[in-house]
C-alpha atoms as a PDB file:
ATOM      1  CA  MET A   1       8.025  -2.161  29.491  1.00  0.00           C
ATOM      2  CA  ASN A   2       4.264  -2.242  28.892  1.00  0.00           C
ATOM      3  CA  GLY A   3       4.652   0.976  26.953  1.00  0.00           C
ATOM      4  CA  ILE A   4       7.252  -0.639  24.688  1.00  0.00           C
ATOM      5  CA  ILE A   5       4.977  -3.630  24.037  1.00  0.00           C
ATOM      6  CA  LYS A   6       2.064  -1.363  23.104  1.00  0.00           C
ATOM      7  CA  LEU A   7       4.339   0.632  20.830  1.00  0.00           C
ATOM      8  CA  PHE A   8       5.437  -2.487  18.931  1.00  0.00           C
ATOM      9  CA  ILE A   9       1.853  -3.637  18.524  1.00  0.00           C
ATOM     10  CA  CYS A  10       1.036  -0.287  16.915  1.00  0.00           C
ATOM     11  CA  LEU A  11       4.083  -0.477  14.636  1.00  0.00           C
ATOM     12  CA  ILE A  12       3.214  -3.949  13.389  1.00  0.00           C
ATOM     13  CA  LEU A  13      -0.393  -2.927  12.771  1.00  0.00           C
ATOM     14  CA  LEU A  14       0.776   0.100  10.840  1.00  0.00           C
ATOM     15  CA  SER A  15       2.239  -2.380   8.331  1.00  0.00           C
ATOM     16  CA  GLY A  16       1.141  -2.924   5.452  1.00  0.00           C
ATOM     17  CA  CYS A  17     -14.693  10.225  -9.520  1.00  0.00           C
ATOM     18  CA  GLU A  18     -16.528   8.357  -6.717  1.00  0.00           C
ATOM     19  CA  SER A  19     -16.828   4.770  -7.780  1.00  0.00           C
ATOM     20  CA  MET A  20     -18.760   1.613  -6.992  1.00  0.00           C
ATOM     21  CA  THR A  21     -18.707  -0.188  -3.650  1.00  0.00           C
ATOM     22  CA  LYS A  22     -20.132  -3.406  -5.058  1.00  0.00           C
ATOM     23  CA  ILE A  23     -17.515  -5.429  -6.904  1.00  0.00           C
ATOM     24  CA  SER A  24     -18.627  -7.098 -10.096  1.00  0.00           C
ATOM     25  CA  ASN A  25     -17.147 -10.328 -11.427  1.00  0.00           C
ATOM     26  CA  PRO A  26     -14.805  -9.664 -14.351  1.00  0.00           C
ATOM     27  CA  GLN A  27     -14.836 -12.240 -17.125  1.00  0.00           C
ATOM     28  CA  LYS A  28     -11.675 -14.172 -17.786  1.00  0.00           C
ATOM     29  CA  HIS A  29      -9.217 -12.695 -20.287  1.00  0.00           C
ATOM     30  CA  GLU A  30     -11.245  -9.497 -20.385  1.00  0.00           C
ATOM     31  CA  SER A  31      -8.397  -7.594 -18.784  1.00  0.00           C
ATOM     32  CA  ASN A  32      -5.290  -8.491 -20.830  1.00  0.00           C
ATOM     33  CA  LEU A  33      -3.180  -5.410 -20.285  1.00  0.00           C
ATOM     34  CA  LYS A  34      -0.828  -3.699 -22.691  1.00  0.00           C
ATOM     35  CA  TYR A  35       1.737  -3.316 -19.921  1.00  0.00           C
ATOM     36  CA  PRO A  36       2.808  -5.678 -17.101  1.00  0.00           C
ATOM     37  CA  VAL A  37       1.725  -5.108 -13.487  1.00  0.00           C
ATOM     38  CA  ILE A  38       4.082  -4.574 -10.562  1.00  0.00           C
ATOM     39  CA  LEU A  39       2.570  -5.167  -7.117  1.00  0.00           C
ATOM     40  CA  VAL A  40       4.178  -3.057  -4.375  1.00  0.00           C
ATOM     41  CA  HIS A  41       3.470  -3.983  -0.740  1.00  0.00           C
ATOM     42  CA  GLY A  42       3.251  -1.781   2.350  1.00  0.00           C
ATOM     43  CA  ILE A  43       5.223  -1.880   5.605  1.00  0.00           C
ATOM     44  CA  ALA A  44       5.805  -5.066   7.612  1.00  0.00           C
ATOM     45  CA  ALA A  45       5.410  -7.112   4.425  1.00  0.00           C
ATOM     46  CA  HIS A  46       7.814  -8.891   2.089  1.00  0.00           C
ATOM     47  CA  ASP A  47       7.359 -10.290  -1.388  1.00  0.00           C
ATOM     48  CA  ARG A  48      10.829 -11.747  -1.771  1.00  0.00           C
ATOM     49  CA  LYS A  49      11.474 -15.199  -0.299  1.00  0.00           C
ATOM     50  CA  SER A  50       8.612 -14.824   2.168  1.00  0.00           C
ATOM     51  CA  ILE A  51       6.780 -17.775   3.693  1.00  0.00           C
ATOM     52  CA  ILE A  52       3.682 -15.595   3.988  1.00  0.00           C
ATOM     53  CA  ASP A  53       1.547 -14.737   0.954  1.00  0.00           C
ATOM     54  CA  PHE A  54       1.097 -11.048   1.645  1.00  0.00           C
ATOM     55  CA  TRP A  55      -0.912 -10.730  -1.586  1.00  0.00           C
ATOM     56  CA  GLY A  56      -3.032 -13.837  -0.962  1.00  0.00           C
ATOM     57  CA  ARG A  57      -4.558 -15.254  -4.146  1.00  0.00           C
ATOM     58  CA  ILE A  58      -4.322 -11.965  -6.053  1.00  0.00           C
ATOM     59  CA  PRO A  59      -1.166 -12.650  -8.159  1.00  0.00           C
ATOM     60  CA  ASP A  60      -2.384 -16.104  -9.241  1.00  0.00           C
ATOM     61  CA  VAL A  61      -5.857 -14.860 -10.159  1.00  0.00           C
ATOM     62  CA  LEU A  62      -4.393 -11.995 -12.200  1.00  0.00           C
ATOM     63  CA  ARG A  63      -2.076 -14.381 -14.033  1.00  0.00           C
ATOM     64  CA  GLU A  64      -4.945 -16.797 -14.680  1.00  0.00           C
ATOM     65  CA  ASN A  65      -6.619 -13.903 -16.456  1.00  0.00           C
ATOM     66  CA  GLY A  66      -3.697 -13.305 -18.777  1.00  0.00           C
ATOM     67  CA  ILE A  67      -1.998 -10.516 -16.824  1.00  0.00           C
ATOM     68  CA  THR A  68       1.778 -10.441 -16.415  1.00  0.00           C
ATOM     69  CA  VAL A  69       2.581  -9.840 -12.738  1.00  0.00           C
ATOM     70  CA  PHE A  70       5.789  -8.956 -10.913  1.00  0.00           C
ATOM     71  CA  PHE A  71       6.602  -7.908  -7.333  1.00  0.00           C
ATOM     72  CA  GLY A  72       8.247  -4.649  -6.311  1.00  0.00           C
ATOM     73  CA  ASN A  73      10.829  -6.324  -4.014  1.00  0.00           C
ATOM     74  CA  THR A  74      10.910  -3.313  -1.684  1.00  0.00           C
ATOM     75  CA  ASP A  75      11.863  -3.464   1.999  1.00  0.00           C
ATOM     76  CA  ALA A  76       9.284  -4.033   4.716  1.00  0.00           C
ATOM     77  CA  TRP A  77      10.633  -1.162   6.810  1.00  0.00           C
ATOM     78  CA  GLY A  78      12.494   0.966   4.283  1.00  0.00           C
ATOM     79  CA  SER A  79      12.128   4.729   3.906  1.00  0.00           C
ATOM     80  CA  TYR A  80      10.336   5.916   0.792  1.00  0.00           C
ATOM     81  CA  GLU A  81      13.661   7.176  -0.599  1.00  0.00           C
ATOM     82  CA  SER A  82      15.312   3.783  -0.161  1.00  0.00           C
ATOM     83  CA  ASN A  83      12.315   1.812  -1.400  1.00  0.00           C
ATOM     84  CA  ALA A  84      11.922   4.110  -4.397  1.00  0.00           C
ATOM     85  CA  GLU A  85      15.465   3.256  -5.447  1.00  0.00           C
ATOM     86  CA  ILE A  86      14.716  -0.468  -5.118  1.00  0.00           C
ATOM     87  CA  LEU A  87      11.477  -0.054  -7.067  1.00  0.00           C
ATOM     88  CA  LYS A  88      13.305   1.843  -9.804  1.00  0.00           C
ATOM     89  CA  GLY A  89      15.577  -1.160 -10.238  1.00  0.00           C
ATOM     90  CA  THR A  90      12.566  -3.482 -10.377  1.00  0.00           C
ATOM     91  CA  ILE A  91      10.866  -1.336 -13.028  1.00  0.00           C
ATOM     92  CA  ASP A  92      14.027  -1.309 -15.168  1.00  0.00           C
ATOM     93  CA  LYS A  93      14.354  -5.087 -14.847  1.00  0.00           C
ATOM     94  CA  VAL A  94      10.711  -5.707 -15.753  1.00  0.00           C
ATOM     95  CA  LEU A  95      10.889  -3.436 -18.790  1.00  0.00           C
ATOM     96  CA  LEU A  96      13.995  -5.250 -20.000  1.00  0.00           C
ATOM     97  CA  GLU A  97      12.573  -8.716 -19.336  1.00  0.00           C
ATOM     98  CA  THR A  98       9.204  -8.078 -20.972  1.00  0.00           C
ATOM     99  CA  ASN A  99      10.437  -5.739 -23.714  1.00  0.00           C
ATOM    100  CA  SER A 100       7.651  -3.397 -22.672  1.00  0.00           C
ATOM    101  CA  GLU A 101       7.643   0.386 -22.871  1.00  0.00           C
ATOM    102  CA  LYS A 102       5.881   0.938 -19.539  1.00  0.00           C
ATOM    103  CA  VAL A 103       4.492  -0.766 -16.432  1.00  0.00           C
ATOM    104  CA  ASN A 104       1.312  -0.499 -14.384  1.00  0.00           C
ATOM    105  CA  ILE A 105       1.919  -0.227 -10.643  1.00  0.00           C
ATOM    106  CA  ILE A 106      -0.622  -1.373  -8.061  1.00  0.00           C
ATOM    107  CA  ALA A 107       0.656  -0.393  -4.622  1.00  0.00           C
ATOM    108  CA  GLN A 108      -0.879  -1.027  -1.221  1.00  0.00           C
ATOM    109  CA  SER A 109      -0.529   1.153   1.888  1.00  0.00           C
ATOM    110  CA  LYS A 110       2.921   2.814   2.166  1.00  0.00           C
ATOM    111  CA  GLY A 111       3.830   1.145  -1.123  1.00  0.00           C
ATOM    112  CA  GLY A 112       1.765   3.848  -2.791  1.00  0.00           C
ATOM    113  CA  ILE A 113       3.963   6.529  -1.245  1.00  0.00           C
ATOM    114  CA  ASP A 114       7.114   4.650  -2.282  1.00  0.00           C
ATOM    115  CA  ALA A 115       5.786   4.440  -5.846  1.00  0.00           C
ATOM    116  CA  ARG A 116       4.773   8.105  -5.970  1.00  0.00           C
ATOM    117  CA  TYR A 117       8.236   9.126  -4.818  1.00  0.00           C
ATOM    118  CA  CYS A 118       9.898   6.798  -7.337  1.00  0.00           C
ATOM    119  CA  ILE A 119       7.982   8.283 -10.265  1.00  0.00           C
ATOM    120  CA  TRP A 120       8.735  11.830  -9.117  1.00  0.00           C
ATOM    121  CA  ALA A 121      12.353  11.452  -7.981  1.00  0.00           C
ATOM    122  CA  TYR A 122      13.515   9.547 -11.069  1.00  0.00           C
ATOM    123  CA  ASN A 123      11.226  11.268 -13.561  1.00  0.00           C
ATOM    124  CA  TYR A 124       9.720   7.891 -14.501  1.00  0.00           C
ATOM    125  CA  GLY A 125       6.521   9.220 -16.014  1.00  0.00           C
ATOM    126  CA  ASP A 126       7.692   7.829 -19.347  1.00  0.00           C
ATOM    127  CA  LYS A 127       8.100   4.349 -17.826  1.00  0.00           C
ATOM    128  CA  VAL A 128       5.000   4.116 -15.614  1.00  0.00           C
ATOM    129  CA  ALA A 129       1.642   4.103 -17.406  1.00  0.00           C
ATOM    130  CA  SER A 130      -0.466   4.074 -14.252  1.00  0.00           C
ATOM    131  CA  LEU A 131      -0.289   4.039 -10.478  1.00  0.00           C
ATOM    132  CA  THR A 132      -3.195   2.576  -8.530  1.00  0.00           C
ATOM    133  CA  THR A 133      -2.807   3.064  -4.796  1.00  0.00           C
ATOM    134  CA  VAL A 134      -4.745   0.796  -2.448  1.00  0.00           C
ATOM    135  CA  SER A 135      -5.409   2.005   1.116  1.00  0.00           C
ATOM    136  CA  THR A 136      -2.464   4.390   0.989  1.00  0.00           C
ATOM    137  CA  PRO A 137      -2.112   7.104   3.690  1.00  0.00           C
ATOM    138  CA  HIS A 138      -1.513   9.917   1.209  1.00  0.00           C
ATOM    139  CA  HIS A 139      -2.202  12.589   3.802  1.00  0.00           C
ATOM    140  CA  GLY A 140      -0.418  10.780   6.627  1.00  0.00           C
ATOM    141  CA  ALA A 141      -1.329   8.115   9.157  1.00  0.00           C
ATOM    142  CA  GLU A 142      -3.013   9.296  12.329  1.00  0.00           C
ATOM    143  CA  LEU A 143      -1.634   6.176  14.011  1.00  0.00           C
ATOM    144  CA  ALA A 144       1.884   7.355  13.184  1.00  0.00           C
ATOM    145  CA  ASP A 145       1.026  10.668  14.863  1.00  0.00           C
ATOM    146  CA  PHE A 146      -0.199   8.728  17.900  1.00  0.00           C
ATOM    147  CA  ILE A 147       2.999   6.664  18.107  1.00  0.00           C
ATOM    148  CA  PHE A 148       5.252   9.703  17.734  1.00  0.00           C
ATOM    149  CA  SER A 149       3.349  11.508  20.482  1.00  0.00           C
ATOM    150  CA  GLN A 150       4.535   8.832  22.940  1.00  0.00           C
ATOM    151  CA  LYS A 151       7.752   9.819  24.701  1.00  0.00           C
ATOM    152  CA  ILE A 152       8.950   6.221  24.774  1.00  0.00           C
ATOM    153  CA  ALA A 153       8.961   6.101  20.960  1.00  0.00           C
ATOM    154  CA  HIS A 154      11.997   8.381  20.943  1.00  0.00           C
ATOM    155  CA  SER A 155      14.048   6.547  23.571  1.00  0.00           C
ATOM    156  CA  LYS A 156      17.429   5.050  22.733  1.00  0.00           C
ATOM    157  CA  ILE A 157      16.381   1.545  23.725  1.00  0.00           C
ATOM    158  CA  VAL A 158      13.347   1.621  21.411  1.00  0.00           C
ATOM    159  CA  LYS A 159      15.442   2.919  18.518  1.00  0.00           C
ATOM    160  CA  ARG A 160      17.980   0.147  19.151  1.00  0.00           C
ATOM    161  CA  ILE A 161      15.280  -2.530  19.253  1.00  0.00           C
ATOM    162  CA  LEU A 162      13.667  -1.173  16.092  1.00  0.00           C
ATOM    163  CA  LYS A 163      16.995  -1.384  14.282  1.00  0.00           C
ATOM    164  CA  ILE A 164      17.392  -5.023  15.294  1.00  0.00           C
ATOM    165  CA  LEU A 165      13.813  -5.799  14.267  1.00  0.00           C
ATOM    166  CA  GLY A 166      14.421  -4.341  10.813  1.00  0.00           C
ATOM    167  CA  LYS A 167      17.476  -6.515  10.283  1.00  0.00           C
ATOM    168  CA  LEU A 168      15.605  -9.617  11.457  1.00  0.00           C
ATOM    169  CA  TYR A 169      13.013  -8.857   8.777  1.00  0.00           C
ATOM    170  CA  GLY A 170      15.735  -9.271   6.167  1.00  0.00           C
ATOM    171  CA  ASP A 171      15.501  -5.735   4.837  1.00  0.00           C
ATOM    172  CA  ILE A 172      18.273  -4.217   2.750  1.00  0.00           C
ATOM    173  CA  ASN A 173      17.945  -0.783   4.369  1.00  0.00           C
ATOM    174  CA  PRO A 174      15.606  -0.977   7.394  1.00  0.00           C
ATOM    175  CA  ASP A 175      14.756   2.342   9.034  1.00  0.00           C
ATOM    176  CA  ILE A 176      11.649   1.792  11.173  1.00  0.00           C
ATOM    177  CA  TYR A 177      11.960   4.926  13.294  1.00  0.00           C
ATOM    178  CA  ASN A 178      12.298   7.166  10.246  1.00  0.00           C
ATOM    179  CA  VAL A 179       9.473   5.350   8.442  1.00  0.00           C
ATOM    180  CA  ASN A 180       7.092   6.211  11.261  1.00  0.00           C
ATOM    181  CA  ASN A 181       8.176   9.836  11.061  1.00  0.00           C
ATOM    182  CA  GLN A 182       7.648   9.870   7.297  1.00  0.00           C
ATOM    183  CA  LEU A 183       4.086   8.619   7.756  1.00  0.00           C
ATOM    184  CA  THR A 184       3.031  11.390  10.145  1.00  0.00           C
ATOM    185  CA  THR A 185       0.458  13.842   8.849  1.00  0.00           C
ATOM    186  CA  GLU A 186       2.892  16.735   9.233  1.00  0.00           C
ATOM    187  CA  HIS A 187       5.563  15.048   7.137  1.00  0.00           C
ATOM    188  CA  MET A 188       3.110  13.901   4.475  1.00  0.00           C
ATOM    189  CA  LYS A 189       1.826  17.450   4.103  1.00  0.00           C
ATOM    190  CA  GLU A 190       5.355  18.495   3.152  1.00  0.00           C
ATOM    191  CA  PHE A 191       5.663  15.414   0.937  1.00  0.00           C
ATOM    192  CA  ASN A 192       2.517  16.291  -1.026  1.00  0.00           C
ATOM    193  CA  GLU A 193       3.669  19.855  -1.575  1.00  0.00           C
ATOM    194  CA  LYS A 194       6.913  18.592  -3.077  1.00  0.00           C
ATOM    195  CA  VAL A 195       6.089  15.261  -4.743  1.00  0.00           C
ATOM    196  CA  VAL A 196       3.607  16.233  -7.438  1.00  0.00           C
ATOM    197  CA  MET A 197       1.827  14.028  -9.964  1.00  0.00           C
ATOM    198  CA  ASP A 198       3.440  13.374 -13.337  1.00  0.00           C
ATOM    199  CA  GLU A 199       1.101  14.424 -16.153  1.00  0.00           C
ATOM    200  CA  ASN A 200       2.147  11.352 -18.156  1.00  0.00           C
ATOM    201  CA  VAL A 201       0.881   8.922 -15.484  1.00  0.00           C
ATOM    202  CA  PHE A 202      -2.712   7.908 -14.786  1.00  0.00           C
ATOM    203  CA  TYR A 203      -3.303   7.976 -11.026  1.00  0.00           C
ATOM    204  CA  GLN A 204      -6.176   6.486  -9.037  1.00  0.00           C
ATOM    205  CA  SER A 205      -6.811   5.564  -5.410  1.00  0.00           C
ATOM    206  CA  VAL A 206      -8.787   2.627  -4.042  1.00  0.00           C
ATOM    207  CA  TYR A 207      -9.514   2.254  -0.356  1.00  0.00           C
ATOM    208  CA  SER A 208     -11.830   0.475   2.057  1.00  0.00           C
ATOM    209  CA  VAL A 209     -13.503   1.253   5.369  1.00  0.00           C
ATOM    210  CA  MET A 210     -14.586  -1.009   8.220  1.00  0.00           C
ATOM    211  CA  ALA A 211     -18.222  -0.973   9.297  1.00  0.00           C
ATOM    212  CA  ASP A 212     -17.224  -0.707  12.972  1.00  0.00           C
ATOM    213  CA  GLU A 213     -14.598  -1.853  15.459  1.00  0.00           C
ATOM    214  CA  PHE A 214     -15.942  -5.426  15.361  1.00  0.00           C
ATOM    215  CA  ASP A 215     -15.514  -5.763  11.587  1.00  0.00           C
ATOM    216  CA  ASP A 216     -11.941  -7.030  12.018  1.00  0.00           C
ATOM    217  CA  MET A 217     -10.964  -7.650  15.627  1.00  0.00           C
ATOM    218  CA  VAL A 218      -7.254  -7.335  14.804  1.00  0.00           C
ATOM    219  CA  PHE A 219      -7.880  -3.617  14.396  1.00  0.00           C
ATOM    220  CA  TYR A 220     -10.385  -3.159  17.208  1.00  0.00           C
ATOM    221  CA  TYR A 221      -8.359  -0.573  19.122  1.00  0.00           C
ATOM    222  CA  THR A 222      -6.646   1.127  16.196  1.00  0.00           C
ATOM    223  CA  TYR A 223     -10.004   1.547  14.448  1.00  0.00           C
ATOM    224  CA  LEU A 224     -11.372   3.346  17.496  1.00  0.00           C
ATOM    225  CA  ILE A 225      -8.281   5.563  17.830  1.00  0.00           C
ATOM    226  CA  ILE A 226      -8.438   6.654  14.186  1.00  0.00           C
ATOM    227  CA  LYS A 227     -12.233   6.937  14.264  1.00  0.00           C
ATOM    228  CA  LYS A 228     -11.952   9.442  17.092  1.00  0.00           C
ATOM    229  CA  MET A 229      -9.248  11.410  15.301  1.00  0.00           C
ATOM    230  CA  SER A 230     -10.451  11.370  11.689  1.00  0.00           C
ATOM    231  CA  GLY A 231     -13.610   9.334  11.205  1.00  0.00           C
ATOM    232  CA  PRO A 232     -14.138   6.317   8.889  1.00  0.00           C
ATOM    233  CA  ASN A 233     -11.094   4.095   8.420  1.00  0.00           C
ATOM    234  CA  ASP A 234      -9.919   0.579   7.617  1.00  0.00           C
ATOM    235  CA  GLY A 235      -8.241  -0.008  10.969  1.00  0.00           C
ATOM    236  CA  LEU A 236      -4.973   1.647   9.946  1.00  0.00           C
ATOM    237  CA  VAL A 237      -5.653   4.302   7.310  1.00  0.00           C
ATOM    238  CA  SER A 238      -8.439   6.872   7.462  1.00  0.00           C
ATOM    239  CA  GLU A 239     -10.748   7.605   4.566  1.00  0.00           C
ATOM    240  CA  ALA A 240      -9.606  11.225   4.712  1.00  0.00           C
ATOM    241  CA  SER A 241      -6.007  10.167   4.152  1.00  0.00           C
ATOM    242  CA  ALA A 242      -6.667   7.513   1.498  1.00  0.00           C
ATOM    243  CA  ARG A 243      -8.769   9.789  -0.738  1.00  0.00           C
ATOM    244  CA  TRP A 244      -6.325  11.118  -3.322  1.00  0.00           C
ATOM    245  CA  SER A 245      -6.289  11.891  -7.040  1.00  0.00           C
ATOM    246  CA  GLY A 246      -9.361  12.498  -9.166  1.00  0.00           C
ATOM    247  CA  ASN A 247     -10.264   8.826  -9.562  1.00  0.00           C
ATOM    248  CA  ILE A 248     -11.416   7.318  -6.281  1.00  0.00           C
ATOM    249  CA  THR A 249     -13.040   4.002  -5.365  1.00  0.00           C
ATOM    250  CA  ARG A 250     -14.405   3.292  -1.881  1.00  0.00           C
ATOM    251  CA  ILE A 251     -15.132  -0.289  -0.780  1.00  0.00           C
ATOM    252  CA  GLU A 252     -17.240  -1.091   2.256  1.00  0.00           C
ATOM    253  CA  ASN A 253     -16.662  -3.396   5.248  1.00  0.00           C
ATOM    254  CA  ILE A 254     -13.100  -4.488   4.483  1.00  0.00           C
ATOM    255  CA  SER A 255     -10.046  -3.889   6.676  1.00  0.00           C
ATOM    256  CA  HIS A 256      -6.517  -2.841   5.818  1.00  0.00           C
ATOM    257  CA  VAL A 257      -5.188  -6.401   5.544  1.00  0.00           C
ATOM    258  CA  GLU A 258      -8.345  -7.919   4.110  1.00  0.00           C
ATOM    259  CA  ILE A 259      -7.980  -5.657   1.063  1.00  0.00           C
ATOM    260  CA  ILE A 260      -4.857  -7.617   0.042  1.00  0.00           C
ATOM    261  CA  ASP A 261      -6.596 -11.004   0.444  1.00  0.00           C
ATOM    262  CA  PHE A 262      -4.493 -11.896   3.483  1.00  0.00           C
ATOM    263  CA  LYS A 263      -7.296 -14.138   4.772  1.00  0.00           C
ATOM    264  CA  LYS A 264      -7.812 -15.814   1.377  1.00  0.00           C
ATOM    265  CA  ARG A 265     -11.590 -15.907   1.637  1.00  0.00           C
ATOM    266  CA  LYS A 266     -14.599 -13.796   0.781  1.00  0.00           C
ATOM    267  CA  ILE A 267     -14.992 -10.705   2.927  1.00  0.00           C
ATOM    268  CA  SER A 268     -18.450  -9.133   3.170  1.00  0.00           C
ATOM    269  CA  GLY A 269     -19.455 -11.257   0.192  1.00  0.00           C
ATOM    270  CA  ILE A 270     -16.568  -9.953  -1.922  1.00  0.00           C
ATOM    271  CA  HIS A 271     -13.991 -12.184  -3.596  1.00  0.00           C
ATOM    272  CA  ILE A 272     -11.017  -9.903  -2.944  1.00  0.00           C
ATOM    273  CA  PRO A 273      -9.036 -10.752  -6.118  1.00  0.00           C
ATOM    274  CA  ASP A 274     -12.032  -9.457  -8.101  1.00  0.00           C
ATOM    275  CA  ILE A 275     -11.184  -5.975  -6.831  1.00  0.00           C
ATOM    276  CA  TYR A 276      -7.846  -6.222  -8.618  1.00  0.00           C
ATOM    277  CA  LEU A 277      -9.395  -7.746 -11.723  1.00  0.00           C
ATOM    278  CA  ASN A 278     -11.689  -4.742 -11.870  1.00  0.00           C
ATOM    279  CA  ILE A 279      -8.675  -2.461 -11.547  1.00  0.00           C
ATOM    280  CA  ALA A 280      -7.033  -4.346 -14.419  1.00  0.00           C
ATOM    281  CA  ARG A 281     -10.189  -4.206 -16.531  1.00  0.00           C
ATOM    282  CA  ASP A 282     -10.393  -0.448 -16.067  1.00  0.00           C
ATOM    283  CA  LEU A 283      -6.721  -0.022 -16.988  1.00  0.00           C
ATOM    284  CA  TYR A 284      -7.263  -2.199 -20.059  1.00  0.00           C
ATOM    285  CA  GLN A 285     -10.142  -0.007 -21.179  1.00  0.00           C
ATOM    286  CA  ARG A 286      -7.926   3.034 -20.759  1.00  0.00           C
ATOM    287  CA  GLY A 287      -5.333   1.504 -23.058  1.00  0.00           C
ATOM    288  CA  PHE A 288      -2.788   0.518 -20.427  1.00  0.00           C
END
């Protein structure tokens, strides 16, 4: 039973050109974008009828700066195939509602994988101007490897409990066991060989790293596990996995959940929504 408890702790934690590490303060209305923004969350998060603000102050700050913001509405524990289908529907709805030609997607953690698959599977390069992934395990999650290496993770009782947990989350198509498999480094290697970038889309990756295991005590143990396996990480995703595409931004001393303003306060002197305002400013300058 202790093994099952440890496994669930790991599953919940798994949820959701070199650039500057110091975040500047964008001026208001400097980042009015040509296309609306869709925020796509990672696992264990919801942006539809949720009592928890998984994006913290970020949506409000973006809107205060003249940016049109929508949510992806994907499942917390859905496979990337299932979530890509949901995201496709969201993109179509946003384009219709805003009378826009394209959208900008900012996706955190597994949301980046869902978005990549959506663009590729539905040939949506003509509808997505840009994809900015934030702390996304593009090359797989070492923690997923660790979980799958545990014999108990494949037991019938665990699979049954995981199915119940997914339904309690309110997902449309929960598939927690398969999601963990999809996030393994082996599976993501196959994913990257198949799911290639669309030449019509601007891609960039933003990620953070913790200073040490004490930087965010929630990730004390997972930080150490990943540190031993792959080096610098944010408590859930390693730097090696998050580095993807030709446009890369690394941010210091911020954990996997702090990067989405979950704590709603400055972290390491950084006002987290400013990270997203800087993303928007850069997209604006690129004509998106």
